[in-house]
Amino acid sequence: NQTTTLYIIHIQNLEKKAKKFKYVPQVVIMCSTNNRNVTEEYINKISTTGDPDALIDFHFITQQDVECLDKTGEDKFYLDDSNKEVAKSPNGNGDVFHALSEENS
């Protein structure tokens, strides 16, 4: 028995509308480098209805990772005490336009 997630609810609603209005919705999902593969696998798994009239065209984009800085933006956070490798984190919603342009280049 599969747990109903917000993704499932939205996809089911889109599939119903796609079938009713005979169109293929274009859906963009922004991922991070950490979760892109698992997100694509999950979305592809839950969006497979087998009904060719209820298709959704998913586009996955990946946001950049940026260095983790303190509140001043000057001091970096390192992964360990050696101060050789700076910690990185996904850039978040601020990277949506860059991520979209990268996917289309």
PDB file of N, CA and C in Angstrom:
ATOM      1  N   ASN A   1       0.844  -1.177   0.000  1.00  0.00           N
ATOM      2  CA  ASN A   1       0.000   0.000   0.000  1.00  0.00           C
ATOM      3  C   ASN A   1       0.892   1.243   0.000  1.00  0.00           C
ATOM      4  N   GLN A   2       0.744   2.098  -0.992  1.00  0.00           N
ATOM      5  CA  GLN A   2       1.599   3.262  -1.150  1.00  0.00           C
ATOM      6  C   GLN A   2       1.052   4.456  -0.372  1.00  0.00           C
ATOM      7  N   THR A   3       1.943   5.164   0.309  1.00  0.00           N
ATOM      8  CA  THR A   3       1.572   6.381   1.018  1.00  0.00           C
ATOM      9  C   THR A   3       1.260   7.474  -0.001  1.00  0.00           C
ATOM     10  N   THR A   4       0.203   8.209   0.223  1.00  0.00           N
ATOM     11  CA  THR A   4      -0.141   9.312  -0.670  1.00  0.00           C
ATOM     12  C   THR A   4       0.677  10.529  -0.265  1.00  0.00           C
ATOM     13  N   THR A   5       1.477  11.004  -1.205  1.00  0.00           N
ATOM     14  CA  THR A   5       2.302  12.184  -0.965  1.00  0.00           C
ATOM     15  C   THR A   5       1.735  13.360  -1.747  1.00  0.00           C
ATOM     16  N   LEU A   6       2.226  14.536  -1.453  1.00  0.00           N
ATOM     17  CA  LEU A   6       1.807  15.734  -2.177  1.00  0.00           C
ATOM     18  C   LEU A   6       2.134  15.599  -3.663  1.00  0.00           C
ATOM     19  N   TYR A   7       3.278  15.001  -3.975  1.00  0.00           N
ATOM     20  CA  TYR A   7       3.624  14.754  -5.383  1.00  0.00           C
ATOM     21  C   TYR A   7       2.551  13.904  -6.067  1.00  0.00           C
ATOM     22  N   ILE A   8       2.135  12.840  -5.409  1.00  0.00           N
ATOM     23  CA  ILE A   8       1.138  11.938  -5.996  1.00  0.00           C
ATOM     24  C   ILE A   8      -0.175  12.674  -6.241  1.00  0.00           C
ATOM     25  N   ILE A   9      -0.608  13.467  -5.280  1.00  0.00           N
ATOM     26  CA  ILE A   9      -1.859  14.215  -5.434  1.00  0.00           C
ATOM     27  C   ILE A   9      -1.777  15.160  -6.631  1.00  0.00           C
ATOM     28  N   HIS A  10      -0.673  15.916  -6.736  1.00  0.00           N
ATOM     29  CA  HIS A  10      -0.520  16.853  -7.857  1.00  0.00           C
ATOM     30  C   HIS A  10      -0.442  16.135  -9.198  1.00  0.00           C
ATOM     31  N   ILE A  11       0.298  15.047  -9.247  1.00  0.00           N
ATOM     32  CA  ILE A  11       0.434  14.298 -10.499  1.00  0.00           C
ATOM     33  C   ILE A  11      -0.902  13.706 -10.922  1.00  0.00           C
ATOM     34  N   GLN A  12      -1.626  13.146  -9.981  1.00  0.00           N
ATOM     35  CA  GLN A  12      -2.941  12.588 -10.326  1.00  0.00           C
ATOM     36  C   GLN A  12      -3.879  13.668 -10.856  1.00  0.00           C
ATOM     37  N   ASN A  13      -3.873  14.837 -10.242  1.00  0.00           N
ATOM     38  CA  ASN A  13      -4.710  15.942 -10.724  1.00  0.00           C
ATOM     39  C   ASN A  13      -4.297  16.376 -12.127  1.00  0.00           C
ATOM     40  N   LEU A  14      -2.985  16.463 -12.374  1.00  0.00           N
ATOM     41  CA  LEU A  14      -2.501  16.838 -13.709  1.00  0.00           C
ATOM     42  C   LEU A  14      -2.877  15.787 -14.749  1.00  0.00           C
ATOM     43  N   GLU A  15      -2.749  14.519 -14.386  1.00  0.00           N
ATOM     44  CA  GLU A  15      -3.095  13.444 -15.325  1.00  0.00           C
ATOM     45  C   GLU A  15      -4.576  13.496 -15.701  1.00  0.00           C
ATOM     46  N   LYS A  16      -5.439  13.772 -14.719  1.00  0.00           N
ATOM     47  CA  LYS A  16      -6.876  13.881 -15.004  1.00  0.00           C
ATOM     48  C   LYS A  16      -7.155  15.042 -15.964  1.00  0.00           C
ATOM     49  N   LYS A  17      -6.511  16.182 -15.713  1.00  0.00           N
ATOM     50  CA  LYS A  17      -6.721  17.353 -16.569  1.00  0.00           C
ATOM     51  C   LYS A  17      -6.137  17.137 -17.961  1.00  0.00           C
ATOM     52  N   ALA A  18      -4.988  16.474 -18.022  1.00  0.00           N
ATOM     53  CA  ALA A  18      -4.380  16.186 -19.327  1.00  0.00           C
ATOM     54  C   ALA A  18      -5.321  15.339 -20.172  1.00  0.00           C
ATOM     55  N   LYS A  19      -5.912  14.361 -19.551  1.00  0.00           N
ATOM     56  CA  LYS A  19      -6.840  13.479 -20.270  1.00  0.00           C
ATOM     57  C   LYS A  19      -8.115  14.231 -20.669  1.00  0.00           C
ATOM     58  N   LYS A  20      -8.665  14.989 -19.741  1.00  0.00           N
ATOM     59  CA  LYS A  20      -9.911  15.711 -19.991  1.00  0.00           C
ATOM     60  C   LYS A  20      -9.749  16.758 -21.097  1.00  0.00           C
ATOM     61  N   PHE A  21      -8.647  17.531 -21.040  1.00  0.00           N
ATOM     62  CA  PHE A  21      -8.462  18.638 -21.987  1.00  0.00           C
ATOM     63  C   PHE A  21      -7.548  18.278 -23.165  1.00  0.00           C
ATOM     64  N   LYS A  22      -7.093  17.033 -23.197  1.00  0.00           N
ATOM     65  CA  LYS A  22      -6.270  16.519 -24.296  1.00  0.00           C
ATOM     66  C   LYS A  22      -5.030  17.386 -24.553  1.00  0.00           C
ATOM     67  N   TYR A  23      -4.220  17.538 -23.529  1.00  0.00           N
ATOM     68  CA  TYR A  23      -2.949  18.253 -23.652  1.00  0.00           C
ATOM     69  C   TYR A  23      -1.906  17.569 -22.779  1.00  0.00           C
ATOM     70  N   VAL A  24      -0.658  17.887 -23.028  1.00  0.00           N
ATOM     71  CA  VAL A  24       0.442  17.314 -22.251  1.00  0.00           C
ATOM     72  C   VAL A  24       1.054  18.428 -21.398  1.00  0.00           C
ATOM     73  N   PRO A  25       0.793  18.422 -20.087  1.00  0.00           N
ATOM     74  CA  PRO A  25       1.366  19.459 -19.221  1.00  0.00           C
ATOM     75  C   PRO A  25       2.891  19.366 -19.186  1.00  0.00           C
ATOM     76  N   GLN A  26       3.531  20.514 -19.135  1.00  0.00           N
ATOM     77  CA  GLN A  26       4.982  20.608 -18.994  1.00  0.00           C
ATOM     78  C   GLN A  26       5.273  20.952 -17.534  1.00  0.00           C
ATOM     79  N   VAL A  27       5.982  20.083 -16.821  1.00  0.00           N
ATOM     80  CA  VAL A  27       6.248  20.282 -15.404  1.00  0.00           C
ATOM     81  C   VAL A  27       7.762  20.328 -15.194  1.00  0.00           C
ATOM     82  N   VAL A  28       8.226  21.396 -14.551  1.00  0.00           N
ATOM     83  CA  VAL A  28       9.645  21.558 -14.239  1.00  0.00           C
ATOM     84  C   VAL A  28       9.837  21.298 -12.750  1.00  0.00           C
ATOM     85  N   ILE A  29      10.770  20.405 -12.432  1.00  0.00           N
ATOM     86  CA  ILE A  29      11.084  20.088 -11.041  1.00  0.00           C
ATOM     87  C   ILE A  29      12.558  20.396 -10.806  1.00  0.00           C
ATOM     88  N   MET A  30      12.813  21.334  -9.889  1.00  0.00           N
ATOM     89  CA  MET A  30      14.201  21.690  -9.583  1.00  0.00           C
ATOM     90  C   MET A  30      14.726  20.781  -8.473  1.00  0.00           C
ATOM     91  N   CYS A  31      15.858  20.173  -8.735  1.00  0.00           N
ATOM     92  CA  CYS A  31      16.493  19.242  -7.811  1.00  0.00           C
ATOM     93  C   CYS A  31      17.849  19.795  -7.385  1.00  0.00           C
ATOM     94  N   SER A  32      18.456  19.121  -6.433  1.00  0.00           N
ATOM     95  CA  SER A  32      19.839  19.422  -6.066  1.00  0.00           C
ATOM     96  C   SER A  32      20.724  18.304  -6.598  1.00  0.00           C
ATOM     97  N   THR A  33      22.028  18.523  -6.565  1.00  0.00           N
ATOM     98  CA  THR A  33      22.936  17.456  -7.000  1.00  0.00           C
ATOM     99  C   THR A  33      22.802  16.240  -6.086  1.00  0.00           C
ATOM    100  N   ASN A  34      22.361  16.471  -4.854  1.00  0.00           N
ATOM    101  CA  ASN A  34      22.213  15.381  -3.886  1.00  0.00           C
ATOM    102  C   ASN A  34      20.976  14.515  -4.126  1.00  0.00           C
ATOM    103  N   ASN A  35      19.918  15.098  -4.714  1.00  0.00           N
ATOM    104  CA  ASN A  35      18.670  14.332  -4.800  1.00  0.00           C
ATOM    105  C   ASN A  35      18.112  14.153  -6.209  1.00  0.00           C
ATOM    106  N   ARG A  36      18.839  14.585  -7.221  1.00  0.00           N
ATOM    107  CA  ARG A  36      18.282  14.522  -8.584  1.00  0.00           C
ATOM    108  C   ARG A  36      17.913  13.095  -8.993  1.00  0.00           C
ATOM    109  N   ASN A  37      18.822  12.164  -8.838  1.00  0.00           N
ATOM    110  CA  ASN A  37      18.552  10.790  -9.285  1.00  0.00           C
ATOM    111  C   ASN A  37      17.354  10.178  -8.574  1.00  0.00           C
ATOM    112  N   VAL A  38      17.310  10.305  -7.262  1.00  0.00           N
ATOM    113  CA  VAL A  38      16.214   9.692  -6.506  1.00  0.00           C
ATOM    114  C   VAL A  38      14.895  10.401  -6.804  1.00  0.00           C
ATOM    115  N   THR A  39      14.945  11.715  -7.046  1.00  0.00           N
ATOM    116  CA  THR A  39      13.721  12.450  -7.382  1.00  0.00           C
ATOM    117  C   THR A  39      13.182  12.003  -8.733  1.00  0.00           C
ATOM    118  N   GLU A  40      14.065  11.905  -9.729  1.00  0.00           N
ATOM    119  CA  GLU A  40      13.629  11.447 -11.055  1.00  0.00           C
ATOM    120  C   GLU A  40      13.032  10.042 -10.985  1.00  0.00           C
ATOM    121  N   GLU A  41      13.707   9.154 -10.277  1.00  0.00           N
ATOM    122  CA  GLU A  41      13.214   7.781 -10.145  1.00  0.00           C
ATOM    123  C   GLU A  41      11.833   7.758  -9.493  1.00  0.00           C
ATOM    124  N   TYR A  42      11.669   8.541  -8.427  1.00  0.00           N
ATOM    125  CA  TYR A  42      10.394   8.564  -7.703  1.00  0.00           C
ATOM    126  C   TYR A  42       9.276   9.128  -8.581  1.00  0.00           C
ATOM    127  N   ILE A  43       9.522  10.250  -9.231  1.00  0.00           N
ATOM    128  CA  ILE A  43       8.500  10.871 -10.075  1.00  0.00           C
ATOM    129  C   ILE A  43       8.128   9.940 -11.225  1.00  0.00           C
ATOM    130  N   ASN A  44       9.115   9.343 -11.860  1.00  0.00           N
ATOM    131  CA  ASN A  44       8.822   8.422 -12.967  1.00  0.00           C
ATOM    132  C   ASN A  44       8.034   7.199 -12.492  1.00  0.00           C
ATOM    133  N   LYS A  45       8.298   6.757 -11.284  1.00  0.00           N
ATOM    134  CA  LYS A  45       7.588   5.596 -10.721  1.00  0.00           C
ATOM    135  C   LYS A  45       6.127   5.930 -10.443  1.00  0.00           C
ATOM    136  N   ILE A  46       5.867   7.080  -9.830  1.00  0.00           N
ATOM    137  CA  ILE A  46       4.493   7.387  -9.422  1.00  0.00           C
ATOM    138  C   ILE A  46       3.661   8.000 -10.543  1.00  0.00           C
ATOM    139  N   SER A  47       4.308   8.428 -11.640  1.00  0.00           N
ATOM    140  CA  SER A  47       3.547   9.082 -12.703  1.00  0.00           C
ATOM    141  C   SER A  47       3.216   8.144 -13.855  1.00  0.00           C
ATOM    142  N   THR A  48       3.527   6.880 -13.701  1.00  0.00           N
ATOM    143  CA  THR A  48       3.259   5.929 -14.759  1.00  0.00           C
ATOM    144  C   THR A  48       1.873   5.328 -14.580  1.00  0.00           C
ATOM    145  N   THR A  49       0.898   5.882 -15.292  1.00  0.00           N
ATOM    146  CA  THR A  49      -0.462   5.358 -15.199  1.00  0.00           C
ATOM    147  C   THR A  49      -0.722   4.317 -16.278  1.00  0.00           C
ATOM    148  N   GLY A  50       0.083   4.363 -17.343  1.00  0.00           N
ATOM    149  CA  GLY A  50      -0.137   3.466 -18.457  1.00  0.00           C
ATOM    150  C   GLY A  50      -1.156   4.010 -19.441  1.00  0.00           C
ATOM    151  N   ASP A  51      -1.763   5.136 -19.126  1.00  0.00           N
ATOM    152  CA  ASP A  51      -2.771   5.736 -19.997  1.00  0.00           C
ATOM    153  C   ASP A  51      -2.098   6.765 -20.909  1.00  0.00           C
ATOM    154  N   PRO A  52      -2.012   6.501 -22.216  1.00  0.00           N
ATOM    155  CA  PRO A  52      -1.325   7.425 -23.120  1.00  0.00           C
ATOM    156  C   PRO A  52      -2.016   8.784 -23.247  1.00  0.00           C
ATOM    157  N   ASP A  53      -3.268   8.881 -22.812  1.00  0.00           N
ATOM    158  CA  ASP A  53      -3.980  10.157 -22.863  1.00  0.00           C
ATOM    159  C   ASP A  53      -3.762  11.000 -21.604  1.00  0.00           C
ATOM    160  N   ALA A  54      -3.028  10.473 -20.645  1.00  0.00           N
ATOM    161  CA  ALA A  54      -2.810  11.187 -19.382  1.00  0.00           C
ATOM    162  C   ALA A  54      -1.313  11.392 -19.140  1.00  0.00           C
ATOM    163  N   LEU A  55      -0.601  11.770 -20.185  1.00  0.00           N
ATOM    164  CA  LEU A  55       0.845  11.945 -20.077  1.00  0.00           C
ATOM    165  C   LEU A  55       1.213  13.310 -19.515  1.00  0.00           C
ATOM    166  N   ILE A  56       2.319  13.355 -18.803  1.00  0.00           N
ATOM    167  CA  ILE A  56       2.907  14.599 -18.308  1.00  0.00           C
ATOM    168  C   ILE A  56       4.362  14.608 -18.769  1.00  0.00           C
ATOM    169  N   ASP A  57       4.812  15.753 -19.260  1.00  0.00           N
ATOM    170  CA  ASP A  57       6.201  15.882 -19.709  1.00  0.00           C
ATOM    171  C   ASP A  57       7.004  16.553 -18.596  1.00  0.00           C
ATOM    172  N   PHE A  58       7.781  15.748 -17.882  1.00  0.00           N
ATOM    173  CA  PHE A  58       8.581  16.256 -16.768  1.00  0.00           C
ATOM    174  C   PHE A  58       9.946  16.721 -17.257  1.00  0.00           C
ATOM    175  N   HIS A  59      10.390  17.844 -16.722  1.00  0.00           N
ATOM    176  CA  HIS A  59      11.720  18.382 -16.995  1.00  0.00           C
ATOM    177  C   HIS A  59      12.404  18.568 -15.643  1.00  0.00           C
ATOM    178  N   PHE A  60      13.532  17.912 -15.460  1.00  0.00           N
ATOM    179  CA  PHE A  60      14.269  18.012 -14.208  1.00  0.00           C
ATOM    180  C   PHE A  60      15.464  18.926 -14.422  1.00  0.00           C
ATOM    181  N   ILE A  61      15.605  19.909 -13.541  1.00  0.00           N
ATOM    182  CA  ILE A  61      16.756  20.810 -13.606  1.00  0.00           C
ATOM    183  C   ILE A  61      17.518  20.694 -12.297  1.00  0.00           C
ATOM    184  N   THR A  62      18.809  20.987 -12.348  1.00  0.00           N
ATOM    185  CA  THR A  62      19.658  20.858 -11.169  1.00  0.00           C
ATOM    186  C   THR A  62      20.224  22.210 -10.780  1.00  0.00           C
ATOM    187  N   GLN A  63      19.978  22.592  -9.541  1.00  0.00           N
ATOM    188  CA  GLN A  63      20.534  23.844  -9.050  1.00  0.00           C
ATOM    189  C   GLN A  63      22.010  23.665  -8.700  1.00  0.00           C
ATOM    190  N   GLN A  64      22.737  24.759  -8.722  1.00  0.00           N
ATOM    191  CA  GLN A  64      24.164  24.728  -8.391  1.00  0.00           C
ATOM    192  C   GLN A  64      24.377  24.531  -6.896  1.00  0.00           C
ATOM    193  N   ASP A  65      25.524  23.981  -6.550  1.00  0.00           N
ATOM    194  CA  ASP A  65      25.976  23.959  -5.167  1.00  0.00           C
ATOM    195  C   ASP A  65      26.845  25.184  -4.953  1.00  0.00           C
ATOM    196  N   VAL A  66      26.691  25.811  -3.812  1.00  0.00           N
ATOM    197  CA  VAL A  66      27.488  26.993  -3.478  1.00  0.00           C
ATOM    198  C   VAL A  66      28.192  26.757  -2.150  1.00  0.00           C
ATOM    199  N   GLU A  67      29.262  27.496  -1.922  1.00  0.00           N
ATOM    200  CA  GLU A  67      30.004  27.364  -0.677  1.00  0.00           C
ATOM    201  C   GLU A  67      29.161  27.831   0.502  1.00  0.00           C
ATOM    202  N   CYS A  68      29.296  27.132   1.615  1.00  0.00           N
ATOM    203  CA  CYS A  68      28.600  27.515   2.843  1.00  0.00           C
ATOM    204  C   CYS A  68      29.402  28.610   3.544  1.00  0.00           C
ATOM    205  N   LEU A  69      28.746  29.734   3.775  1.00  0.00           N
ATOM    206  CA  LEU A  69      29.393  30.886   4.400  1.00  0.00           C
ATOM    207  C   LEU A  69      28.653  31.271   5.671  1.00  0.00           C
ATOM    208  N   ASP A  70      29.338  32.058   6.514  1.00  0.00           N
ATOM    209  CA  ASP A  70      28.664  32.553   7.708  1.00  0.00           C
ATOM    210  C   ASP A  70      27.736  33.709   7.331  1.00  0.00           C
ATOM    211  N   LYS A  71      27.086  34.297   8.319  1.00  0.00           N
ATOM    212  CA  LYS A  71      26.110  35.364   8.061  1.00  0.00           C
ATOM    213  C   LYS A  71      26.732  36.579   7.373  1.00  0.00           C
ATOM    214  N   THR A  72      28.013  36.819   7.592  1.00  0.00           N
ATOM    215  CA  THR A  72      28.661  37.980   6.973  1.00  0.00           C
ATOM    216  C   THR A  72      29.007  37.702   5.514  1.00  0.00           C
ATOM    217  N   GLY A  73      29.023  36.421   5.135  1.00  0.00           N
ATOM    218  CA  GLY A  73      29.383  36.050   3.775  1.00  0.00           C
ATOM    219  C   GLY A  73      30.880  36.002   3.545  1.00  0.00           C
ATOM    220  N   GLU A  74      31.642  36.120   4.609  1.00  0.00           N
ATOM    221  CA  GLU A  74      33.105  36.158   4.472  1.00  0.00           C
ATOM    222  C   GLU A  74      33.791  34.866   4.912  1.00  0.00           C
ATOM    223  N   ASP A  75      33.357  34.292   6.025  1.00  0.00           N
ATOM    224  CA  ASP A  75      34.010  33.099   6.549  1.00  0.00           C
ATOM    225  C   ASP A  75      33.337  31.847   6.015  1.00  0.00           C
ATOM    226  N   LYS A  76      34.159  30.913   5.519  1.00  0.00           N
ATOM    227  CA  LYS A  76      33.655  29.676   4.942  1.00  0.00           C
ATOM    228  C   LYS A  76      33.585  28.582   6.002  1.00  0.00           C
ATOM    229  N   PHE A  77      32.670  27.643   5.765  1.00  0.00           N
ATOM    230  CA  PHE A  77      32.577  26.459   6.619  1.00  0.00           C
ATOM    231  C   PHE A  77      33.289  25.310   5.921  1.00  0.00           C
ATOM    232  N   TYR A  78      34.130  24.617   6.659  1.00  0.00           N
ATOM    233  CA  TYR A  78      34.914  23.520   6.102  1.00  0.00           C
ATOM    234  C   TYR A  78      34.369  22.183   6.581  1.00  0.00           C
ATOM    235  N   LEU A  79      34.614  21.153   5.784  1.00  0.00           N
ATOM    236  CA  LEU A  79      34.124  19.820   6.109  1.00  0.00           C
ATOM    237  C   LEU A  79      34.843  19.193   7.289  1.00  0.00           C
ATOM    238  N   ASP A  80      36.083  19.618   7.526  1.00  0.00           N
ATOM    239  CA  ASP A  80      36.835  19.096   8.666  1.00  0.00           C
ATOM    240  C   ASP A  80      37.822  20.152   9.139  1.00  0.00           C
ATOM    241  N   ASP A  81      38.628  19.804  10.113  1.00  0.00           N
ATOM    242  CA  ASP A  81      39.564  20.768  10.706  1.00  0.00           C
ATOM    243  C   ASP A  81      40.764  21.083   9.824  1.00  0.00           C
ATOM    244  N   SER A  82      40.934  20.389   8.715  1.00  0.00           N
ATOM    245  CA  SER A  82      42.096  20.648   7.855  1.00  0.00           C
ATOM    246  C   SER A  82      41.928  21.939   7.047  1.00  0.00           C
ATOM    247  N   ASN A  83      40.705  22.454   6.967  1.00  0.00           N
ATOM    248  CA  ASN A  83      40.402  23.670   6.209  1.00  0.00           C
ATOM    249  C   ASN A  83      40.793  23.556   4.739  1.00  0.00           C
ATOM    250  N   LYS A  84      40.678  22.348   4.179  1.00  0.00           N
ATOM    251  CA  LYS A  84      41.022  22.140   2.775  1.00  0.00           C
ATOM    252  C   LYS A  84      39.781  22.086   1.886  1.00  0.00           C
ATOM    253  N   GLU A  85      38.708  21.474   2.372  1.00  0.00           N
ATOM    254  CA  GLU A  85      37.518  21.314   1.540  1.00  0.00           C
ATOM    255  C   GLU A  85      36.349  22.104   2.136  1.00  0.00           C
ATOM    256  N   VAL A  86      35.887  23.083   1.373  1.00  0.00           N
ATOM    257  CA  VAL A  86      34.788  23.934   1.826  1.00  0.00           C
ATOM    258  C   VAL A  86      33.469  23.179   1.674  1.00  0.00           C
ATOM    259  N   ALA A  87      32.629  23.256   2.692  1.00  0.00           N
ATOM    260  CA  ALA A  87      31.309  22.636   2.639  1.00  0.00           C
ATOM    261  C   ALA A  87      30.464  23.349   1.590  1.00  0.00           C
ATOM    262  N   LYS A  88      29.637  22.586   0.897  1.00  0.00           N
ATOM    263  CA  LYS A  88      28.753  23.155  -0.122  1.00  0.00           C
ATOM    264  C   LYS A  88      27.330  22.720   0.140  1.00  0.00           C
ATOM    265  N   SER A  89      26.407  23.546  -0.347  1.00  0.00           N
ATOM    266  CA  SER A  89      24.991  23.290  -0.168  1.00  0.00           C
ATOM    267  C   SER A  89      24.253  23.756  -1.415  1.00  0.00           C
ATOM    268  N   PRO A  90      23.082  23.174  -1.724  1.00  0.00           N
ATOM    269  CA  PRO A  90      22.318  23.643  -2.881  1.00  0.00           C
ATOM    270  C   PRO A  90      21.967  25.124  -2.737  1.00  0.00           C
ATOM    271  N   ASN A  91      21.968  25.837  -3.859  1.00  0.00           N
ATOM    272  CA  ASN A  91      21.724  27.274  -3.866  1.00  0.00           C
ATOM    273  C   ASN A  91      20.270  27.644  -3.622  1.00  0.00           C
ATOM    274  N   GLY A  92      19.360  26.707  -3.748  1.00  0.00           N
ATOM    275  CA  GLY A  92      17.964  26.984  -3.445  1.00  0.00           C
ATOM    276  C   GLY A  92      17.236  27.705  -4.561  1.00  0.00           C
ATOM    277  N   ASN A  93      16.110  28.297  -4.222  1.00  0.00           N
ATOM    278  CA  ASN A  93      15.265  28.948  -5.214  1.00  0.00           C
ATOM    279  C   ASN A  93      15.975  30.082  -5.946  1.00  0.00           C
ATOM    280  N   GLY A  94      16.983  30.653  -5.338  1.00  0.00           N
ATOM    281  CA  GLY A  94      17.711  31.738  -5.984  1.00  0.00           C
ATOM    282  C   GLY A  94      18.430  31.294  -7.244  1.00  0.00           C
ATOM    283  N   ASP A  95      18.541  30.013  -7.448  1.00  0.00           N
ATOM    284  CA  ASP A  95      19.278  29.492  -8.604  1.00  0.00           C
ATOM    285  C   ASP A  95      18.360  29.018  -9.728  1.00  0.00           C
ATOM    286  N   VAL A  96      17.072  29.253  -9.616  1.00  0.00           N
ATOM    287  CA  VAL A  96      16.131  28.694 -10.588  1.00  0.00           C
ATOM    288  C   VAL A  96      16.422  29.180 -12.011  1.00  0.00           C
ATOM    289  N   PHE A  97      16.721  30.460 -12.203  1.00  0.00           N
ATOM    290  CA  PHE A  97      16.927  30.956 -13.557  1.00  0.00           C
ATOM    291  C   PHE A  97      18.228  30.422 -14.153  1.00  0.00           C
ATOM    292  N   HIS A  98      19.266  30.326 -13.345  1.00  0.00           N
ATOM    293  CA  HIS A  98      20.524  29.760 -13.818  1.00  0.00           C
ATOM    294  C   HIS A  98      20.333  28.285 -14.167  1.00  0.00           C
ATOM    295  N   ALA A  99      19.637  27.553 -13.303  1.00  0.00           N
ATOM    296  CA  ALA A  99      19.405  26.128 -13.558  1.00  0.00           C
ATOM    297  C   ALA A  99      18.594  25.916 -14.835  1.00  0.00           C
ATOM    298  N   LEU A 100      17.592  26.746 -15.057  1.00  0.00           N
ATOM    299  CA  LEU A 100      16.794  26.643 -16.290  1.00  0.00           C
ATOM    300  C   LEU A 100      17.649  26.926 -17.518  1.00  0.00           C
ATOM    301  N   SER A 101      18.497  27.942 -17.447  1.00  0.00           N
ATOM    302  CA  SER A 101      19.317  28.280 -18.617  1.00  0.00           C
ATOM    303  C   SER A 101      20.366  27.206 -18.891  1.00  0.00           C
ATOM    304  N   GLU A 102      20.884  26.573 -17.852  1.00  0.00           N
ATOM    305  CA  GLU A 102      21.873  25.498 -18.028  1.00  0.00           C
ATOM    306  C   GLU A 102      21.254  24.290 -18.697  1.00  0.00           C
ATOM    307  N   GLU A 103      20.030  23.950 -18.361  1.00  0.00           N
ATOM    308  CA  GLU A 103      19.360  22.786 -18.924  1.00  0.00           C
ATOM    309  C   GLU A 103      19.049  22.984 -20.411  1.00  0.00           C
ATOM    310  N   ASN A 104      18.921  24.236 -20.823  1.00  0.00           N
ATOM    311  CA  ASN A 104      18.560  24.523 -22.208  1.00  0.00           C
ATOM    312  C   ASN A 104      19.760  24.862 -23.070  1.00  0.00           C
ATOM    313  N   SER A 105      20.959  24.811 -22.508  1.00  0.00           N
ATOM    314  CA  SER A 105      22.142  25.137 -23.317  1.00  0.00           C
ATOM    315  C   SER A 105      22.840  23.910 -23.830  1.00  0.00           C
TER     316      SER A 105
END
